[in-house]
Amino acid sequence: MLHYALIFFIVALIAALFGFGGLAASAAGIAKILFFVFLVLTVASFVLGLFKR
Protein backbone atom coordinates (compact mmCIF):
# COMPACT_ATOMS: atom_id res chain seq x y z
CA MET A 1 0.00 0.00 0.00
CA LEU A 2 2.90 2.31 0.70
CA HIS A 3 4.10 1.51 -2.81
CA TYR A 4 0.83 2.84 -4.31
CA ALA A 5 1.03 5.97 -2.17
CA LEU A 6 4.54 6.60 -3.49
CA ILE A 7 3.40 6.07 -7.08
CA PHE A 8 0.52 8.56 -6.70
CA PHE A 9 2.93 11.04 -5.09
CA ILE A 10 5.29 10.76 -8.06
CA VAL A 11 2.37 11.16 -10.47
CA ALA A 12 1.33 14.29 -8.56
CA LEU A 13 4.85 15.73 -8.79
CA ILE A 14 5.07 15.06 -12.53
CA ALA A 15 1.58 16.48 -13.14
CA ALA A 16 2.45 19.59 -11.15
CA LEU A 17 5.67 19.97 -13.15
CA PHE A 18 3.72 19.98 -16.43
CA GLY A 19 1.04 22.32 -15.10
CA PHE A 20 -1.90 19.95 -14.62
CA GLY A 21 -3.09 21.43 -11.33
CA GLY A 22 -6.32 19.47 -10.97
CA LEU A 23 -4.68 16.14 -11.73
CA ALA A 24 -1.81 16.91 -9.38
CA ALA A 25 -4.19 17.78 -6.55
CA SER A 26 -6.20 14.61 -7.09
CA ALA A 27 -3.12 12.38 -7.18
CA ALA A 28 -1.70 14.07 -4.09
CA GLY A 29 -4.99 13.58 -2.25
CA ILE A 30 -5.08 9.89 -3.13
CA ALA A 31 -1.44 9.50 -2.06
CA LYS A 32 -2.19 11.18 1.26
CA ILE A 33 -5.20 8.94 1.95
CA LEU A 34 -3.28 5.77 1.07
CA PHE A 35 -0.38 6.82 3.29
CA PHE A 36 -2.64 7.38 6.30
CA VAL A 37 -4.43 4.07 5.73
CA PHE A 38 -0.99 2.42 5.62
CA LEU A 39 -0.03 4.09 8.91
CA VAL A 40 -3.24 3.00 10.64
CA LEU A 41 -2.84 -0.59 9.47
CA THR A 42 0.82 -0.63 10.52
CA VAL A 43 0.04 0.65 14.03
CA ALA A 44 -2.88 -1.77 14.38
CA SER A 45 -0.68 -4.68 13.30
CA PHE A 46 2.02 -3.65 15.77
CA VAL A 47 -0.44 -3.33 18.67
CA LEU A 48 -2.13 -6.65 17.90
CA GLY A 49 1.29 -8.28 17.67
CA LEU A 50 2.12 -7.04 21.16
CA PHE A 51 -1.09 -8.46 22.62
CA LYS A 52 -0.67 -11.88 21.01
CA ARG A 53 2.62 -12.50 22.82
PDB file of N, CA and C in Angstrom:
ATOM      1  N   MET A   1       0.827  -1.185   0.000  1.00  0.00           N
ATOM      2  CA  MET A   1       0.000   0.000   0.000  1.00  0.00           C
ATOM      3  C   MET A   1       0.873   1.250   0.000  1.00  0.00           C
ATOM      4  N   LEU A   2       1.976   1.172   0.701  1.00  0.00           N
ATOM      5  CA  LEU A   2       2.899   2.306   0.703  1.00  0.00           C
ATOM      6  C   LEU A   2       3.461   2.521  -0.699  1.00  0.00           C
ATOM      7  N   HIS A   3       3.610   1.439  -1.434  1.00  0.00           N
ATOM      8  CA  HIS A   3       4.098   1.512  -2.810  1.00  0.00           C
ATOM      9  C   HIS A   3       3.130   2.335  -3.675  1.00  0.00           C
ATOM     10  N   TYR A   4       1.821   2.088  -3.541  1.00  0.00           N
ATOM     11  CA  TYR A   4       0.831   2.836  -4.313  1.00  0.00           C
ATOM     12  C   TYR A   4       0.804   4.303  -3.899  1.00  0.00           C
ATOM     13  N   ALA A   5       0.987   4.585  -2.620  1.00  0.00           N
ATOM     14  CA  ALA A   5       1.032   5.973  -2.165  1.00  0.00           C
ATOM     15  C   ALA A   5       2.218   6.691  -2.794  1.00  0.00           C
ATOM     16  N   LEU A   6       3.350   6.008  -2.876  1.00  0.00           N
ATOM     17  CA  LEU A   6       4.539   6.604  -3.488  1.00  0.00           C
ATOM     18  C   LEU A   6       4.323   6.835  -4.980  1.00  0.00           C
ATOM     19  N   ILE A   7       3.672   5.906  -5.659  1.00  0.00           N
ATOM     20  CA  ILE A   7       3.396   6.074  -7.085  1.00  0.00           C
ATOM     21  C   ILE A   7       2.482   7.276  -7.323  1.00  0.00           C
ATOM     22  N   PHE A   8       1.418   7.413  -6.530  1.00  0.00           N
ATOM     23  CA  PHE A   8       0.518   8.557  -6.700  1.00  0.00           C
ATOM     24  C   PHE A   8       1.228   9.869  -6.370  1.00  0.00           C
ATOM     25  N   PHE A   9       2.161   9.847  -5.416  1.00  0.00           N
ATOM     26  CA  PHE A   9       2.928  11.044  -5.086  1.00  0.00           C
ATOM     27  C   PHE A   9       3.806  11.449  -6.264  1.00  0.00           C
ATOM     28  N   ILE A  10       4.440  10.469  -6.897  1.00  0.00           N
ATOM     29  CA  ILE A  10       5.289  10.763  -8.059  1.00  0.00           C
ATOM     30  C   ILE A  10       4.446  11.279  -9.228  1.00  0.00           C
ATOM     31  N   VAL A  11       3.274  10.680  -9.419  1.00  0.00           N
ATOM     32  CA  VAL A  11       2.367  11.162 -10.468  1.00  0.00           C
ATOM     33  C   VAL A  11       1.959  12.606 -10.184  1.00  0.00           C
ATOM     34  N   ALA A  12       1.703  12.925  -8.929  1.00  0.00           N
ATOM     35  CA  ALA A  12       1.329  14.291  -8.559  1.00  0.00           C
ATOM     36  C   ALA A  12       2.467  15.259  -8.835  1.00  0.00           C
ATOM     37  N   LEU A  13       3.697  14.858  -8.528  1.00  0.00           N
ATOM     38  CA  LEU A  13       4.846  15.733  -8.794  1.00  0.00           C
ATOM     39  C   LEU A  13       5.032  15.970 -10.293  1.00  0.00           C
ATOM     40  N   ILE A  14       4.910  14.912 -11.083  1.00  0.00           N
ATOM     41  CA  ILE A  14       5.068  15.056 -12.532  1.00  0.00           C
ATOM     42  C   ILE A  14       3.944  15.905 -13.113  1.00  0.00           C
ATOM     43  N   ALA A  15       2.714  15.690 -12.649  1.00  0.00           N
ATOM     44  CA  ALA A  15       1.577  16.476 -13.139  1.00  0.00           C
ATOM     45  C   ALA A  15       1.734  17.949 -12.767  1.00  0.00           C
ATOM     46  N   ALA A  16       2.232  18.205 -11.577  1.00  0.00           N
ATOM     47  CA  ALA A  16       2.450  19.594 -11.154  1.00  0.00           C
ATOM     48  C   ALA A  16       3.556  20.237 -11.987  1.00  0.00           C
ATOM     49  N   LEU A  17       4.568  19.457 -12.337  1.00  0.00           N
ATOM     50  CA  LEU A  17       5.668  19.967 -13.146  1.00  0.00           C
ATOM     51  C   LEU A  17       5.180  20.407 -14.526  1.00  0.00           C
ATOM     52  N   PHE A  18       4.246  19.656 -15.105  1.00  0.00           N
ATOM     53  CA  PHE A  18       3.725  19.980 -16.429  1.00  0.00           C
ATOM     54  C   PHE A  18       2.523  20.920 -16.388  1.00  0.00           C
ATOM     55  N   GLY A  19       2.085  21.321 -15.204  1.00  0.00           N
ATOM     56  CA  GLY A  19       1.038  22.324 -15.096  1.00  0.00           C
ATOM     57  C   GLY A  19      -0.378  21.794 -15.015  1.00  0.00           C
ATOM     58  N   PHE A  20      -0.550  20.508 -14.770  1.00  0.00           N
ATOM     59  CA  PHE A  20      -1.897  19.948 -14.622  1.00  0.00           C
ATOM     60  C   PHE A  20      -2.292  20.027 -13.153  1.00  0.00           C
ATOM     61  N   GLY A  21      -2.801  21.176 -12.743  1.00  0.00           N
ATOM     62  CA  GLY A  21      -3.089  21.428 -11.334  1.00  0.00           C
ATOM     63  C   GLY A  21      -4.151  20.519 -10.749  1.00  0.00           C
ATOM     64  N   GLY A  22      -5.244  20.311 -11.481  1.00  0.00           N
ATOM     65  CA  GLY A  22      -6.325  19.467 -10.970  1.00  0.00           C
ATOM     66  C   GLY A  22      -5.898  18.024 -10.822  1.00  0.00           C
ATOM     67  N   LEU A  23      -5.172  17.516 -11.797  1.00  0.00           N
ATOM     68  CA  LEU A  23      -4.678  16.140 -11.731  1.00  0.00           C
ATOM     69  C   LEU A  23      -3.665  15.979 -10.612  1.00  0.00           C
ATOM     70  N   ALA A  24      -2.810  16.970 -10.435  1.00  0.00           N
ATOM     71  CA  ALA A  24      -1.806  16.911  -9.381  1.00  0.00           C
ATOM     72  C   ALA A  24      -2.470  16.911  -8.002  1.00  0.00           C
ATOM     73  N   ALA A  25      -3.489  17.721  -7.841  1.00  0.00           N
ATOM     74  CA  ALA A  25      -4.185  17.783  -6.553  1.00  0.00           C
ATOM     75  C   ALA A  25      -4.903  16.469  -6.256  1.00  0.00           C
ATOM     76  N   SER A  26      -5.511  15.890  -7.280  1.00  0.00           N
ATOM     77  CA  SER A  26      -6.201  14.609  -7.090  1.00  0.00           C
ATOM     78  C   SER A  26      -5.226  13.500  -6.726  1.00  0.00           C
ATOM     79  N   ALA A  27      -4.118  13.415  -7.450  1.00  0.00           N
ATOM     80  CA  ALA A  27      -3.121  12.380  -7.182  1.00  0.00           C
ATOM     81  C   ALA A  27      -2.497  12.571  -5.801  1.00  0.00           C
ATOM     82  N   ALA A  28      -2.255  13.810  -5.419  1.00  0.00           N
ATOM     83  CA  ALA A  28      -1.696  14.073  -4.095  1.00  0.00           C
ATOM     84  C   ALA A  28      -2.689  13.697  -3.002  1.00  0.00           C
ATOM     85  N   GLY A  29      -3.960  13.957  -3.219  1.00  0.00           N
ATOM     86  CA  GLY A  29      -4.985  13.579  -2.247  1.00  0.00           C
ATOM     87  C   GLY A  29      -5.081  12.076  -2.080  1.00  0.00           C
ATOM     88  N   ILE A  30      -5.038  11.349  -3.194  1.00  0.00           N
ATOM     89  CA  ILE A  30      -5.075   9.888  -3.128  1.00  0.00           C
ATOM     90  C   ILE A  30      -3.842   9.356  -2.414  1.00  0.00           C
ATOM     91  N   ALA A  31      -2.678   9.931  -2.715  1.00  0.00           N
ATOM     92  CA  ALA A  31      -1.445   9.502  -2.065  1.00  0.00           C
ATOM     93  C   ALA A  31      -1.516   9.731  -0.556  1.00  0.00           C
ATOM     94  N   LYS A  32      -2.075  10.860  -0.161  1.00  0.00           N
ATOM     95  CA  LYS A  32      -2.193  11.176   1.259  1.00  0.00           C
ATOM     96  C   LYS A  32      -3.125  10.190   1.973  1.00  0.00           C
ATOM     97  N   ILE A  33      -4.247   9.881   1.356  1.00  0.00           N
ATOM     98  CA  ILE A  33      -5.202   8.936   1.950  1.00  0.00           C
ATOM     99  C   ILE A  33      -4.580   7.556   2.084  1.00  0.00           C
ATOM    100  N   LEU A  34      -3.914   7.084   1.020  1.00  0.00           N
ATOM    101  CA  LEU A  34      -3.282   5.769   1.069  1.00  0.00           C
ATOM    102  C   LEU A  34      -2.184   5.704   2.129  1.00  0.00           C
ATOM    103  N   PHE A  35      -1.436   6.797   2.285  1.00  0.00           N
ATOM    104  CA  PHE A  35      -0.381   6.821   3.292  1.00  0.00           C
ATOM    105  C   PHE A  35      -0.963   6.717   4.694  1.00  0.00           C
ATOM    106  N   PHE A  36      -2.043   7.434   4.967  1.00  0.00           N
ATOM    107  CA  PHE A  36      -2.636   7.379   6.297  1.00  0.00           C
ATOM    108  C   PHE A  36      -3.295   6.034   6.578  1.00  0.00           C
ATOM    109  N   VAL A  37      -3.886   5.422   5.558  1.00  0.00           N
ATOM    110  CA  VAL A  37      -4.429   4.067   5.727  1.00  0.00           C
ATOM    111  C   VAL A  37      -3.297   3.095   6.045  1.00  0.00           C
ATOM    112  N   PHE A  38      -2.170   3.244   5.344  1.00  0.00           N
ATOM    113  CA  PHE A  38      -0.994   2.419   5.623  1.00  0.00           C
ATOM    114  C   PHE A  38      -0.523   2.603   7.060  1.00  0.00           C
ATOM    115  N   LEU A  39      -0.465   3.834   7.536  1.00  0.00           N
ATOM    116  CA  LEU A  39      -0.028   4.094   8.910  1.00  0.00           C
ATOM    117  C   LEU A  39      -0.967   3.455   9.928  1.00  0.00           C
ATOM    118  N   VAL A  40      -2.269   3.582   9.719  1.00  0.00           N
ATOM    119  CA  VAL A  40      -3.240   3.003  10.642  1.00  0.00           C
ATOM    120  C   VAL A  40      -3.104   1.485  10.685  1.00  0.00           C
ATOM    121  N   LEU A  41      -2.983   0.862   9.513  1.00  0.00           N
ATOM    122  CA  LEU A  41      -2.842  -0.592   9.471  1.00  0.00           C
ATOM    123  C   LEU A  41      -1.528  -1.058  10.096  1.00  0.00           C
ATOM    124  N   THR A  42      -0.467  -0.287   9.921  1.00  0.00           N
ATOM    125  CA  THR A  42       0.818  -0.635  10.524  1.00  0.00           C
ATOM    126  C   THR A  42       0.751  -0.569  12.042  1.00  0.00           C
ATOM    127  N   VAL A  43       0.161   0.500  12.573  1.00  0.00           N
ATOM    128  CA  VAL A  43       0.044   0.646  14.025  1.00  0.00           C
ATOM    129  C   VAL A  43      -0.870  -0.442  14.591  1.00  0.00           C
ATOM    130  N   ALA A  44      -1.968  -0.727  13.908  1.00  0.00           N
ATOM    131  CA  ALA A  44      -2.879  -1.773  14.379  1.00  0.00           C
ATOM    132  C   ALA A  44      -2.192  -3.134  14.389  1.00  0.00           C
ATOM    133  N   SER A  45      -1.409  -3.414  13.361  1.00  0.00           N
ATOM    134  CA  SER A  45      -0.680  -4.677  13.297  1.00  0.00           C
ATOM    135  C   SER A  45       0.349  -4.773  14.422  1.00  0.00           C
ATOM    136  N   PHE A  46       1.018  -3.678  14.702  1.00  0.00           N
ATOM    137  CA  PHE A  46       2.016  -3.652  15.774  1.00  0.00           C
ATOM    138  C   PHE A  46       1.367  -3.875  17.139  1.00  0.00           C
ATOM    139  N   VAL A  47       0.248  -3.193  17.380  1.00  0.00           N
ATOM    140  CA  VAL A  47      -0.439  -3.326  18.673  1.00  0.00           C
ATOM    141  C   VAL A  47      -0.996  -4.738  18.841  1.00  0.00           C
ATOM    142  N   LEU A  48      -1.601  -5.286  17.810  1.00  0.00           N
ATOM    143  CA  LEU A  48      -2.133  -6.646  17.898  1.00  0.00           C
ATOM    144  C   LEU A  48      -1.015  -7.675  18.084  1.00  0.00           C
ATOM    145  N   GLY A  49       0.126  -7.413  17.491  1.00  0.00           N
ATOM    146  CA  GLY A  49       1.285  -8.282  17.672  1.00  0.00           C
ATOM    147  C   GLY A  49       1.793  -8.279  19.106  1.00  0.00           C
ATOM    148  N   LEU A  50       1.698  -7.123  19.749  1.00  0.00           N
ATOM    149  CA  LEU A  50       2.118  -7.035  21.157  1.00  0.00           C
ATOM    150  C   LEU A  50       1.179  -7.810  22.079  1.00  0.00           C
ATOM    151  N   PHE A  51      -0.123  -7.771  21.776  1.00  0.00           N
ATOM    152  CA  PHE A  51      -1.093  -8.455  22.620  1.00  0.00           C
ATOM    153  C   PHE A  51      -1.107  -9.958  22.424  1.00  0.00           C
ATOM    154  N   LYS A  52      -0.668 -10.439  21.278  1.00  0.00           N
ATOM    155  CA  LYS A  52      -0.670 -11.880  21.014  1.00  0.00           C
ATOM    156  C   LYS A  52       0.462 -12.604  21.750  1.00  0.00           C
ATOM    157  N   ARG A  53       1.482 -11.875  22.132  1.00  0.00           N
ATOM    158  CA  ARG A  53       2.615 -12.500  22.821  1.00  0.00           C
ATOM    159  C   ARG A  53       2.258 -12.738  24.220  1.00  0.00           C
TER     160      ARG A  53
END
